[in-house]
Amino acid sequence: FAFFFSKQLRHPRGWLGAILASVMNR
């Protein structure tokens, strides 16, 4: 999970990436 989550933080993709955008803003 840590690797998958970190990869998404590096390069957000798809629906999870869109959700992460809101999390990153906060």
mmCIF file of all heavy atoms, coordinates in Angstrom:
data_MODEL
# 
_entry.id   MODEL 
# 
loop_
_atom_site.group_PDB 
_atom_site.id 
_atom_site.type_symbol 
_atom_site.label_atom_id 
_atom_site.label_alt_id 
_atom_site.label_comp_id 
_atom_site.label_asym_id 
_atom_site.label_entity_id 
_atom_site.label_seq_id 
_atom_site.pdbx_PDB_ins_code 
_atom_site.Cartn_x 
_atom_site.Cartn_y 
_atom_site.Cartn_z 
_atom_site.occupancy 
_atom_site.B_iso_or_equiv 
_atom_site.pdbx_formal_charge 
_atom_site.auth_seq_id 
_atom_site.auth_comp_id 
_atom_site.auth_asym_id 
_atom_site.auth_atom_id 
_atom_site.pdbx_PDB_model_num 
ATOM 1   N N   . PHE A 1 1  ? 0.822   -1.213 0.000   1.00 0.00 ? 1  PHE A N   1 
ATOM 2   C CA  . PHE A 1 1  ? 0.000   0.000  0.000   1.00 0.00 ? 1  PHE A CA  1 
ATOM 3   C C   . PHE A 1 1  ? 0.856   1.263  0.000   1.00 0.00 ? 1  PHE A C   1 
ATOM 4   O O   . PHE A 1 1  ? 0.546   2.229  -0.702  1.00 0.00 ? 1  PHE A O   1 
ATOM 5   C CB  . PHE A 1 1  ? -0.934  -0.004 1.209   1.00 0.00 ? 1  PHE A CB  1 
ATOM 6   C CG  . PHE A 1 1  ? -1.743  1.256  1.330   1.00 0.00 ? 1  PHE A CG  1 
ATOM 7   C CD1 . PHE A 1 1  ? -2.842  1.463  0.515   1.00 0.00 ? 1  PHE A CD1 1 
ATOM 8   C CD2 . PHE A 1 1  ? -1.383  2.257  2.230   1.00 0.00 ? 1  PHE A CD2 1 
ATOM 9   C CE1 . PHE A 1 1  ? -3.585  2.637  0.595   1.00 0.00 ? 1  PHE A CE1 1 
ATOM 10  C CE2 . PHE A 1 1  ? -2.122  3.428  2.323   1.00 0.00 ? 1  PHE A CE2 1 
ATOM 11  C CZ  . PHE A 1 1  ? -3.219  3.608  1.498   1.00 0.00 ? 1  PHE A CZ  1 
ATOM 12  N N   . ALA A 1 2  ? 1.935   1.292  0.817   1.00 0.00 ? 2  ALA A N   1 
ATOM 13  C CA  . ALA A 1 2  ? 2.773   2.494  0.913   1.00 0.00 ? 2  ALA A CA  1 
ATOM 14  C C   . ALA A 1 2  ? 3.344   2.851  -0.457  1.00 0.00 ? 2  ALA A C   1 
ATOM 15  O O   . ALA A 1 2  ? 3.373   4.026  -0.845  1.00 0.00 ? 2  ALA A O   1 
ATOM 16  C CB  . ALA A 1 2  ? 3.899   2.274  1.915   1.00 0.00 ? 2  ALA A CB  1 
ATOM 17  N N   . PHE A 1 3  ? 3.785   1.844  -1.206  1.00 0.00 ? 3  PHE A N   1 
ATOM 18  C CA  . PHE A 1 3  ? 4.349   2.099  -2.530  1.00 0.00 ? 3  PHE A CA  1 
ATOM 19  C C   . PHE A 1 3  ? 3.268   2.610  -3.486  1.00 0.00 ? 3  PHE A C   1 
ATOM 20  O O   . PHE A 1 3  ? 3.479   3.589  -4.210  1.00 0.00 ? 3  PHE A O   1 
ATOM 21  C CB  . PHE A 1 3  ? 4.979   0.822  -3.081  1.00 0.00 ? 3  PHE A CB  1 
ATOM 22  C CG  . PHE A 1 3  ? 5.592   0.985  -4.441  1.00 0.00 ? 3  PHE A CG  1 
ATOM 23  C CD1 . PHE A 1 3  ? 6.838   1.579  -4.584  1.00 0.00 ? 3  PHE A CD1 1 
ATOM 24  C CD2 . PHE A 1 3  ? 4.923   0.547  -5.570  1.00 0.00 ? 3  PHE A CD2 1 
ATOM 25  C CE1 . PHE A 1 3  ? 7.411   1.740  -5.840  1.00 0.00 ? 3  PHE A CE1 1 
ATOM 26  C CE2 . PHE A 1 3  ? 5.482   0.707  -6.831  1.00 0.00 ? 3  PHE A CE2 1 
ATOM 27  C CZ  . PHE A 1 3  ? 6.726   1.303  -6.965  1.00 0.00 ? 3  PHE A CZ  1 
ATOM 28  N N   . PHE A 1 4  ? 2.107   1.972  -3.479  1.00 0.00 ? 4  PHE A N   1 
ATOM 29  C CA  . PHE A 1 4  ? 1.010   2.387  -4.362  1.00 0.00 ? 4  PHE A CA  1 
ATOM 30  C C   . PHE A 1 4  ? 0.561   3.806  -4.039  1.00 0.00 ? 4  PHE A C   1 
ATOM 31  O O   . PHE A 1 4  ? 0.388   4.638  -4.946  1.00 0.00 ? 4  PHE A O   1 
ATOM 32  C CB  . PHE A 1 4  ? -0.164  1.419  -4.209  1.00 0.00 ? 4  PHE A CB  1 
ATOM 33  C CG  . PHE A 1 4  ? -1.399  1.848  -4.948  1.00 0.00 ? 4  PHE A CG  1 
ATOM 34  C CD1 . PHE A 1 4  ? -1.494  1.714  -6.322  1.00 0.00 ? 4  PHE A CD1 1 
ATOM 35  C CD2 . PHE A 1 4  ? -2.484  2.401  -4.260  1.00 0.00 ? 4  PHE A CD2 1 
ATOM 36  C CE1 . PHE A 1 4  ? -2.627  2.121  -7.010  1.00 0.00 ? 4  PHE A CE1 1 
ATOM 37  C CE2 . PHE A 1 4  ? -3.617  2.810  -4.938  1.00 0.00 ? 4  PHE A CE2 1 
ATOM 38  C CZ  . PHE A 1 4  ? -3.685  2.662  -6.320  1.00 0.00 ? 4  PHE A CZ  1 
ATOM 39  N N   . PHE A 1 5  ? 0.396   4.106  -2.756  1.00 0.00 ? 5  PHE A N   1 
ATOM 40  C CA  . PHE A 1 5  ? -0.047  5.435  -2.333  1.00 0.00 ? 5  PHE A CA  1 
ATOM 41  C C   . PHE A 1 5  ? 0.992   6.489  -2.705  1.00 0.00 ? 5  PHE A C   1 
ATOM 42  O O   . PHE A 1 5  ? 0.655   7.571  -3.199  1.00 0.00 ? 5  PHE A O   1 
ATOM 43  C CB  . PHE A 1 5  ? -0.294  5.442  -0.825  1.00 0.00 ? 5  PHE A CB  1 
ATOM 44  C CG  . PHE A 1 5  ? -0.779  6.754  -0.275  1.00 0.00 ? 5  PHE A CG  1 
ATOM 45  C CD1 . PHE A 1 5  ? -2.011  7.277  -0.639  1.00 0.00 ? 5  PHE A CD1 1 
ATOM 46  C CD2 . PHE A 1 5  ? 0.007   7.481  0.615   1.00 0.00 ? 5  PHE A CD2 1 
ATOM 47  C CE1 . PHE A 1 5  ? -2.465  8.489  -0.138  1.00 0.00 ? 5  PHE A CE1 1 
ATOM 48  C CE2 . PHE A 1 5  ? -0.423  8.690  1.117   1.00 0.00 ? 5  PHE A CE2 1 
ATOM 49  C CZ  . PHE A 1 5  ? -1.659  9.194  0.744   1.00 0.00 ? 5  PHE A CZ  1 
ATOM 50  N N   . SER A 1 6  ? 2.271   6.182  -2.513  1.00 0.00 ? 6  SER A N   1 
ATOM 51  C CA  . SER A 1 6  ? 3.337   7.120  -2.835  1.00 0.00 ? 6  SER A CA  1 
ATOM 52  C C   . SER A 1 6  ? 3.407   7.390  -4.328  1.00 0.00 ? 6  SER A C   1 
ATOM 53  O O   . SER A 1 6  ? 3.650   8.523  -4.759  1.00 0.00 ? 6  SER A O   1 
ATOM 54  C CB  . SER A 1 6  ? 4.682   6.568  -2.337  1.00 0.00 ? 6  SER A CB  1 
ATOM 55  O OG  . SER A 1 6  ? 4.682   6.428  -0.929  1.00 0.00 ? 6  SER A OG  1 
ATOM 56  N N   . LYS A 1 7  ? 3.172   6.362  -5.135  1.00 0.00 ? 7  LYS A N   1 
ATOM 57  C CA  . LYS A 1 7  ? 3.158   6.547  -6.587  1.00 0.00 ? 7  LYS A CA  1 
ATOM 58  C C   . LYS A 1 7  ? 2.009   7.457  -7.006  1.00 0.00 ? 7  LYS A C   1 
ATOM 59  O O   . LYS A 1 7  ? 2.150   8.278  -7.921  1.00 0.00 ? 7  LYS A O   1 
ATOM 60  C CB  . LYS A 1 7  ? 3.027   5.192  -7.291  1.00 0.00 ? 7  LYS A CB  1 
ATOM 61  C CG  . LYS A 1 7  ? 4.244   4.307  -7.166  1.00 0.00 ? 7  LYS A CG  1 
ATOM 62  C CD  . LYS A 1 7  ? 5.345   4.700  -8.132  1.00 0.00 ? 7  LYS A CD  1 
ATOM 63  C CE  . LYS A 1 7  ? 5.061   4.222  -9.528  1.00 0.00 ? 7  LYS A CE  1 
ATOM 64  N NZ  . LYS A 1 7  ? 6.203   4.494  -10.440 1.00 0.00 ? 7  LYS A NZ  1 
ATOM 65  N N   . GLN A 1 8  ? 0.889   7.340  -6.338  1.00 0.00 ? 8  GLN A N   1 
ATOM 66  C CA  . GLN A 1 8  ? -0.245  8.221  -6.633  1.00 0.00 ? 8  GLN A CA  1 
ATOM 67  C C   . GLN A 1 8  ? 0.055   9.656  -6.231  1.00 0.00 ? 8  GLN A C   1 
ATOM 68  O O   . GLN A 1 8  ? -0.336  10.601 -6.916  1.00 0.00 ? 8  GLN A O   1 
ATOM 69  C CB  . GLN A 1 8  ? -1.513  7.730  -5.933  1.00 0.00 ? 8  GLN A CB  1 
ATOM 70  C CG  . GLN A 1 8  ? -2.272  6.657  -6.677  1.00 0.00 ? 8  GLN A CG  1 
ATOM 71  C CD  . GLN A 1 8  ? -3.052  7.223  -7.869  1.00 0.00 ? 8  GLN A CD  1 
ATOM 72  O OE1 . GLN A 1 8  ? -3.166  8.427  -8.060  1.00 0.00 ? 8  GLN A OE1 1 
ATOM 73  N NE2 . GLN A 1 8  ? -3.597  6.330  -8.680  1.00 0.00 ? 8  GLN A NE2 1 
ATOM 74  N N   . LEU A 1 9  ? 0.760   9.837  -5.119  1.00 0.00 ? 9  LEU A N   1 
ATOM 75  C CA  . LEU A 1 9  ? 1.136   11.186 -4.705  1.00 0.00 ? 9  LEU A CA  1 
ATOM 76  C C   . LEU A 1 9  ? 2.107   11.801 -5.707  1.00 0.00 ? 9  LEU A C   1 
ATOM 77  O O   . LEU A 1 9  ? 2.040   12.998 -5.993  1.00 0.00 ? 9  LEU A O   1 
ATOM 78  C CB  . LEU A 1 9  ? 1.773   11.161 -3.311  1.00 0.00 ? 9  LEU A CB  1 
ATOM 79  C CG  . LEU A 1 9  ? 0.833   10.891 -2.138  1.00 0.00 ? 9  LEU A CG  1 
ATOM 80  C CD1 . LEU A 1 9  ? 1.632   10.744 -0.854  1.00 0.00 ? 9  LEU A CD1 1 
ATOM 81  C CD2 . LEU A 1 9  ? -0.207  11.996 -1.987  1.00 0.00 ? 9  LEU A CD2 1 
ATOM 82  N N   . ARG A 1 10 ? 2.982   10.983 -6.258  1.00 0.00 ? 10 ARG A N   1 
ATOM 83  C CA  . ARG A 1 10 ? 3.945   11.474 -7.244  1.00 0.00 ? 10 ARG A CA  1 
ATOM 84  C C   . ARG A 1 10 ? 3.259   11.852 -8.547  1.00 0.00 ? 10 ARG A C   1 
ATOM 85  O O   . ARG A 1 10 ? 3.560   12.878 -9.143  1.00 0.00 ? 10 ARG A O   1 
ATOM 86  C CB  . ARG A 1 10 ? 5.007   10.407 -7.514  1.00 0.00 ? 10 ARG A CB  1 
ATOM 87  C CG  . ARG A 1 10 ? 6.043   10.828 -8.542  1.00 0.00 ? 10 ARG A CG  1 
ATOM 88  C CD  . ARG A 1 10 ? 7.016   9.701  -8.839  1.00 0.00 ? 10 ARG A CD  1 
ATOM 89  N NE  . ARG A 1 10 ? 8.044   10.145 -9.766  1.00 0.00 ? 10 ARG A NE  1 
ATOM 90  C CZ  . ARG A 1 10 ? 7.912   10.145 -11.091 1.00 0.00 ? 10 ARG A CZ  1 
ATOM 91  N NH1 . ARG A 1 10 ? 6.775   9.713  -11.638 1.00 0.00 ? 10 ARG A NH1 1 
ATOM 92  N NH2 . ARG A 1 10 ? 8.891   10.569 -11.866 1.00 0.00 ? 10 ARG A NH2 1 
ATOM 93  N N   . HIS A 1 11 ? 2.321   11.012 -8.978  1.00 0.00 ? 11 HIS A N   1 
ATOM 94  C CA  . HIS A 1 11 ? 1.662   11.235 -10.272 1.00 0.00 ? 11 HIS A CA  1 
ATOM 95  C C   . HIS A 1 11 ? 0.206   10.774 -10.163 1.00 0.00 ? 11 HIS A C   1 
ATOM 96  O O   . HIS A 1 11 ? -0.123  9.654  -10.538 1.00 0.00 ? 11 HIS A O   1 
ATOM 97  C CB  . HIS A 1 11 ? 2.384   10.458 -11.371 1.00 0.00 ? 11 HIS A CB  1 
ATOM 98  C CG  . HIS A 1 11 ? 1.941   10.830 -12.748 1.00 0.00 ? 11 HIS A CG  1 
ATOM 99  N ND1 . HIS A 1 11 ? 2.700   10.571 -13.860 1.00 0.00 ? 11 HIS A ND1 1 
ATOM 100 C CD2 . HIS A 1 11 ? 0.819   11.448 -13.221 1.00 0.00 ? 11 HIS A CD2 1 
ATOM 101 C CE1 . HIS A 1 11 ? 2.076   11.000 -14.941 1.00 0.00 ? 11 HIS A CE1 1 
ATOM 102 N NE2 . HIS A 1 11 ? 0.924   11.531 -14.565 1.00 0.00 ? 11 HIS A NE2 1 
ATOM 103 N N   . PRO A 1 12 ? -0.681  11.634 -9.629  1.00 0.00 ? 12 PRO A N   1 
ATOM 104 C CA  . PRO A 1 12 ? -2.085  11.250 -9.441  1.00 0.00 ? 12 PRO A CA  1 
ATOM 105 C C   . PRO A 1 12 ? -2.758  10.871 -10.754 1.00 0.00 ? 12 PRO A C   1 
ATOM 106 O O   . PRO A 1 12 ? -2.632  11.571 -11.762 1.00 0.00 ? 12 PRO A O   1 
ATOM 107 C CB  . PRO A 1 12 ? -2.717  12.508 -8.835  1.00 0.00 ? 12 PRO A CB  1 
ATOM 108 C CG  . PRO A 1 12 ? -1.582  13.243 -8.207  1.00 0.00 ? 12 PRO A CG  1 
ATOM 109 C CD  . PRO A 1 12 ? -0.417  12.991 -9.121  1.00 0.00 ? 12 PRO A CD  1 
ATOM 110 N N   . ARG A 1 13 ? -3.495  9.752  -10.729 1.00 0.00 ? 13 ARG A N   1 
ATOM 111 C CA  . ARG A 1 13 ? -4.173  9.270  -11.926 1.00 0.00 ? 13 ARG A CA  1 
ATOM 112 C C   . ARG A 1 13 ? -5.582  8.810  -11.578 1.00 0.00 ? 13 ARG A C   1 
ATOM 113 O O   . ARG A 1 13 ? -5.830  8.285  -10.491 1.00 0.00 ? 13 ARG A O   1 
ATOM 114 C CB  . ARG A 1 13 ? -3.416  8.092  -12.550 1.00 0.00 ? 13 ARG A CB  1 
ATOM 115 C CG  . ARG A 1 13 ? -2.050  8.425  -13.130 1.00 0.00 ? 13 ARG A CG  1 
ATOM 116 C CD  . ARG A 1 13 ? -1.402  7.170  -13.698 1.00 0.00 ? 13 ARG A CD  1 
ATOM 117 N NE  . ARG A 1 13 ? -0.181  7.437  -14.453 1.00 0.00 ? 13 ARG A NE  1 
ATOM 118 C CZ  . ARG A 1 13 ? 1.034   7.469  -13.935 1.00 0.00 ? 13 ARG A CZ  1 
ATOM 119 N NH1 . ARG A 1 13 ? 1.185   7.257  -12.640 1.00 0.00 ? 13 ARG A NH1 1 
ATOM 120 N NH2 . ARG A 1 13 ? 2.094   7.702  -14.695 1.00 0.00 ? 13 ARG A NH2 1 
ATOM 121 N N   . GLY A 1 14 ? -6.491  8.981  -12.536 1.00 0.00 ? 14 GLY A N   1 
ATOM 122 C CA  . GLY A 1 14 ? -7.838  8.426  -12.424 1.00 0.00 ? 14 GLY A CA  1 
ATOM 123 C C   . GLY A 1 14 ? -8.645  9.011  -11.287 1.00 0.00 ? 14 GLY A C   1 
ATOM 124 O O   . GLY A 1 14 ? -8.354  10.087 -10.759 1.00 0.00 ? 14 GLY A O   1 
ATOM 125 N N   . TRP A 1 15 ? -9.690  8.271  -10.903 1.00 0.00 ? 15 TRP A N   1 
ATOM 126 C CA  . TRP A 1 15 ? -10.607 8.763  -9.874  1.00 0.00 ? 15 TRP A CA  1 
ATOM 127 C C   . TRP A 1 15 ? -9.920  8.919  -8.532  1.00 0.00 ? 15 TRP A C   1 
ATOM 128 O O   . TRP A 1 15 ? -10.197 9.861  -7.785  1.00 0.00 ? 15 TRP A O   1 
ATOM 129 C CB  . TRP A 1 15 ? -11.822 7.833  -9.754  1.00 0.00 ? 15 TRP A CB  1 
ATOM 130 C CG  . TRP A 1 15 ? -11.482 6.438  -9.300  1.00 0.00 ? 15 TRP A CG  1 
ATOM 131 C CD1 . TRP A 1 15 ? -11.211 5.353  -10.078 1.00 0.00 ? 15 TRP A CD1 1 
ATOM 132 C CD2 . TRP A 1 15 ? -11.377 5.977  -7.937  1.00 0.00 ? 15 TRP A CD2 1 
ATOM 133 N NE1 . TRP A 1 15 ? -10.937 4.250  -9.303  1.00 0.00 ? 15 TRP A NE1 1 
ATOM 134 C CE2 . TRP A 1 15 ? -11.043 4.599  -7.987  1.00 0.00 ? 15 TRP A CE2 1 
ATOM 135 C CE3 . TRP A 1 15 ? -11.532 6.583  -6.700  1.00 0.00 ? 15 TRP A CE3 1 
ATOM 136 C CZ2 . TRP A 1 15 ? -10.857 3.822  -6.844  1.00 0.00 ? 15 TRP A CZ2 1 
ATOM 137 C CZ3 . TRP A 1 15 ? -11.353 5.829  -5.553  1.00 0.00 ? 15 TRP A CZ3 1 
ATOM 138 C CH2 . TRP A 1 15 ? -11.027 4.463  -5.641  1.00 0.00 ? 15 TRP A CH2 1 
ATOM 139 N N   . LEU A 1 16 ? -8.955  8.025  -8.229  1.00 0.00 ? 16 LEU A N   1 
ATOM 140 C CA  . LEU A 1 16 ? -8.243  8.142  -6.959  1.00 0.00 ? 16 LEU A CA  1 
ATOM 141 C C   . LEU A 1 16 ? -7.367  9.393  -6.953  1.00 0.00 ? 16 LEU A C   1 
ATOM 142 O O   . LEU A 1 16 ? -7.283  10.098 -5.946  1.00 0.00 ? 16 LEU A O   1 
ATOM 143 C CB  . LEU A 1 16 ? -7.389  6.902  -6.715  1.00 0.00 ? 16 LEU A CB  1 
ATOM 144 C CG  . LEU A 1 16 ? -6.588  6.877  -5.402  1.00 0.00 ? 16 LEU A CG  1 
ATOM 145 C CD1 . LEU A 1 16 ? -7.502  7.071  -4.201  1.00 0.00 ? 16 LEU A CD1 1 
ATOM 146 C CD2 . LEU A 1 16 ? -5.806  5.569  -5.283  1.00 0.00 ? 16 LEU A CD2 1 
ATOM 147 N N   . GLY A 1 17 ? -6.762  9.686  -8.088  1.00 0.00 ? 17 GLY A N   1 
ATOM 148 C CA  . GLY A 1 17 ? -5.957  10.895 -8.192  1.00 0.00 ? 17 GLY A CA  1 
ATOM 149 C C   . GLY A 1 17 ? -6.782  12.145 -7.986  1.00 0.00 ? 17 GLY A C   1 
ATOM 150 O O   . GLY A 1 17 ? -6.332  13.109 -7.347  1.00 0.00 ? 17 GLY A O   1 
ATOM 151 N N   . ALA A 1 18 ? -8.011  12.152 -8.517  1.00 0.00 ? 18 ALA A N   1 
ATOM 152 C CA  . ALA A 1 18 ? -8.896  13.303 -8.345  1.00 0.00 ? 18 ALA A CA  1 
ATOM 153 C C   . ALA A 1 18 ? -9.277  13.485 -6.880  1.00 0.00 ? 18 ALA A C   1 
ATOM 154 O O   . ALA A 1 18 ? -9.354  14.617 -6.377  1.00 0.00 ? 18 ALA A O   1 
ATOM 155 C CB  . ALA A 1 18 ? -10.145 13.133 -9.204  1.00 0.00 ? 18 ALA A CB  1 
ATOM 156 N N   . ILE A 1 19 ? -9.510  12.381 -6.194  1.00 0.00 ? 19 ILE A N   1 
ATOM 157 C CA  . ILE A 1 19 ? -9.821  12.459 -4.762  1.00 0.00 ? 19 ILE A CA  1 
ATOM 158 C C   . ILE A 1 19 ? -8.606  12.964 -3.979  1.00 0.00 ? 19 ILE A C   1 
ATOM 159 O O   . ILE A 1 19 ? -8.724  13.794 -3.069  1.00 0.00 ? 19 ILE A O   1 
ATOM 160 C CB  . ILE A 1 19 ? -10.267 11.075 -4.228  1.00 0.00 ? 19 ILE A CB  1 
ATOM 161 C CG1 . ILE A 1 19 ? -11.623 10.701 -4.830  1.00 0.00 ? 19 ILE A CG1 1 
ATOM 162 C CG2 . ILE A 1 19 ? -10.336 11.072 -2.698  1.00 0.00 ? 19 ILE A CG2 1 
ATOM 163 C CD1 . ILE A 1 19 ? -12.072 9.293  -4.510  1.00 0.00 ? 19 ILE A CD1 1 
ATOM 164 N N   . LEU A 1 20 ? -7.421  12.468 -4.355  1.00 0.00 ? 20 LEU A N   1 
ATOM 165 C CA  . LEU A 1 20 ? -6.203  12.892 -3.677  1.00 0.00 ? 20 LEU A CA  1 
ATOM 166 C C   . LEU A 1 20 ? -5.961  14.388 -3.800  1.00 0.00 ? 20 LEU A C   1 
ATOM 167 O O   . LEU A 1 20 ? -5.360  15.004 -2.915  1.00 0.00 ? 20 LEU A O   1 
ATOM 168 C CB  . LEU A 1 20 ? -4.997  12.135 -4.233  1.00 0.00 ? 20 LEU A CB  1 
ATOM 169 C CG  . LEU A 1 20 ? -4.674  10.781 -3.607  1.00 0.00 ? 20 LEU A CG  1 
ATOM 170 C CD1 . LEU A 1 20 ? -3.500  10.143 -4.324  1.00 0.00 ? 20 LEU A CD1 1 
ATOM 171 C CD2 . LEU A 1 20 ? -4.397  10.918 -2.121  1.00 0.00 ? 20 LEU A CD2 1 
ATOM 172 N N   . ALA A 1 21 ? -6.436  14.986 -4.886  1.00 0.00 ? 21 ALA A N   1 
ATOM 173 C CA  . ALA A 1 21 ? -6.266  16.424 -5.073  1.00 0.00 ? 21 ALA A CA  1 
ATOM 174 C C   . ALA A 1 21 ? -6.910  17.194 -3.925  1.00 0.00 ? 21 ALA A C   1 
ATOM 175 O O   . ALA A 1 21 ? -6.330  18.153 -3.404  1.00 0.00 ? 21 ALA A O   1 
ATOM 176 C CB  . ALA A 1 21 ? -6.870  16.852 -6.406  1.00 0.00 ? 21 ALA A CB  1 
ATOM 177 N N   . SER A 1 22 ? -8.102  16.783 -3.526  1.00 0.00 ? 22 SER A N   1 
ATOM 178 C CA  . SER A 1 22 ? -8.782  17.444 -2.412  1.00 0.00 ? 22 SER A CA  1 
ATOM 179 C C   . SER A 1 22 ? -8.051  17.198 -1.095  1.00 0.00 ? 22 SER A C   1 
ATOM 180 O O   . SER A 1 22 ? -7.941  18.100 -0.250  1.00 0.00 ? 22 SER A O   1 
ATOM 181 C CB  . SER A 1 22 ? -10.232 16.947 -2.318  1.00 0.00 ? 22 SER A CB  1 
ATOM 182 O OG  . SER A 1 22 ? -10.943 17.268 -3.496  1.00 0.00 ? 22 SER A OG  1 
ATOM 183 N N   . VAL A 1 23 ? -7.540  15.980 -0.922  1.00 0.00 ? 23 VAL A N   1 
ATOM 184 C CA  . VAL A 1 23 ? -6.782  15.655 0.287   1.00 0.00 ? 23 VAL A CA  1 
ATOM 185 C C   . VAL A 1 23 ? -5.510  16.496 0.350   1.00 0.00 ? 23 VAL A C   1 
ATOM 186 O O   . VAL A 1 23 ? -5.160  17.049 1.400   1.00 0.00 ? 23 VAL A O   1 
ATOM 187 C CB  . VAL A 1 23 ? -6.433  14.147 0.316   1.00 0.00 ? 23 VAL A CB  1 
ATOM 188 C CG1 . VAL A 1 23 ? -5.538  13.827 1.513   1.00 0.00 ? 23 VAL A CG1 1 
ATOM 189 C CG2 . VAL A 1 23 ? -7.702  13.309 0.361   1.00 0.00 ? 23 VAL A CG2 1 
ATOM 190 N N   . MET A 1 24 ? -4.824  16.625 -0.788  1.00 0.00 ? 24 MET A N   1 
ATOM 191 C CA  . MET A 1 24 ? -3.593  17.417 -0.836  1.00 0.00 ? 24 MET A CA  1 
ATOM 192 C C   . MET A 1 24 ? -3.861  18.880 -0.502  1.00 0.00 ? 24 MET A C   1 
ATOM 193 O O   . MET A 1 24 ? -3.071  19.519 0.205   1.00 0.00 ? 24 MET A O   1 
ATOM 194 C CB  . MET A 1 24 ? -2.945  17.297 -2.207  1.00 0.00 ? 24 MET A CB  1 
ATOM 195 C CG  . MET A 1 24 ? -2.272  15.958 -2.460  1.00 0.00 ? 24 MET A CG  1 
ATOM 196 S SD  . MET A 1 24 ? -1.281  15.927 -3.989  1.00 0.00 ? 24 MET A SD  1 
ATOM 197 C CE  . MET A 1 24 ? -2.562  15.994 -5.224  1.00 0.00 ? 24 MET A CE  1 
ATOM 198 N N   . ASN A 1 25 ? -4.970  19.400 -0.989  1.00 0.00 ? 25 ASN A N   1 
ATOM 199 C CA  . ASN A 1 25 ? -5.304  20.793 -0.681  1.00 0.00 ? 25 ASN A CA  1 
ATOM 200 C C   . ASN A 1 25 ? -5.444  21.003 0.820   1.00 0.00 ? 25 ASN A C   1 
ATOM 201 O O   . ASN A 1 25 ? -4.991  22.018 1.366   1.00 0.00 ? 25 ASN A O   1 
ATOM 202 C CB  . ASN A 1 25 ? -6.593  21.197 -1.395  1.00 0.00 ? 25 ASN A CB  1 
ATOM 203 C CG  . ASN A 1 25 ? -6.394  21.451 -2.875  1.00 0.00 ? 25 ASN A CG  1 
ATOM 204 O OD1 . ASN A 1 25 ? -5.268  21.620 -3.334  1.00 0.00 ? 25 ASN A OD1 1 
ATOM 205 N ND2 . ASN A 1 25 ? -7.482  21.489 -3.619  1.00 0.00 ? 25 ASN A ND2 1 
ATOM 206 N N   . ARG A 1 26 ? -6.085  20.054 1.485   1.00 0.00 ? 26 ARG A N   1 
ATOM 207 C CA  . ARG A 1 26 ? -6.273  20.171 2.935   1.00 0.00 ? 26 ARG A CA  1 
ATOM 208 C C   . ARG A 1 26 ? -4.949  19.977 3.686   1.00 0.00 ? 26 ARG A C   1 
ATOM 209 O O   . ARG A 1 26 ? -4.594  20.770 4.569   1.00 0.00 ? 26 ARG A O   1 
ATOM 210 C CB  . ARG A 1 26 ? -7.291  19.135 3.409   1.00 0.00 ? 26 ARG A CB  1 
ATOM 211 C CG  . ARG A 1 26 ? -7.605  19.235 4.903   1.00 0.00 ? 26 ARG A CG  1 
ATOM 212 C CD  . ARG A 1 26 ? -8.671  18.246 5.316   1.00 0.00 ? 26 ARG A CD  1 
ATOM 213 N NE  . ARG A 1 26 ? -8.208  16.865 5.217   1.00 0.00 ? 26 ARG A NE  1 
ATOM 214 C CZ  . ARG A 1 26 ? -8.644  15.993 4.324   1.00 0.00 ? 26 ARG A CZ  1 
ATOM 215 N NH1 . ARG A 1 26 ? -9.542  16.354 3.421   1.00 0.00 ? 26 ARG A NH1 1 
ATOM 216 N NH2 . ARG A 1 26 ? -8.181  14.763 4.300   1.00 0.00 ? 26 ARG A NH2 1 
# 
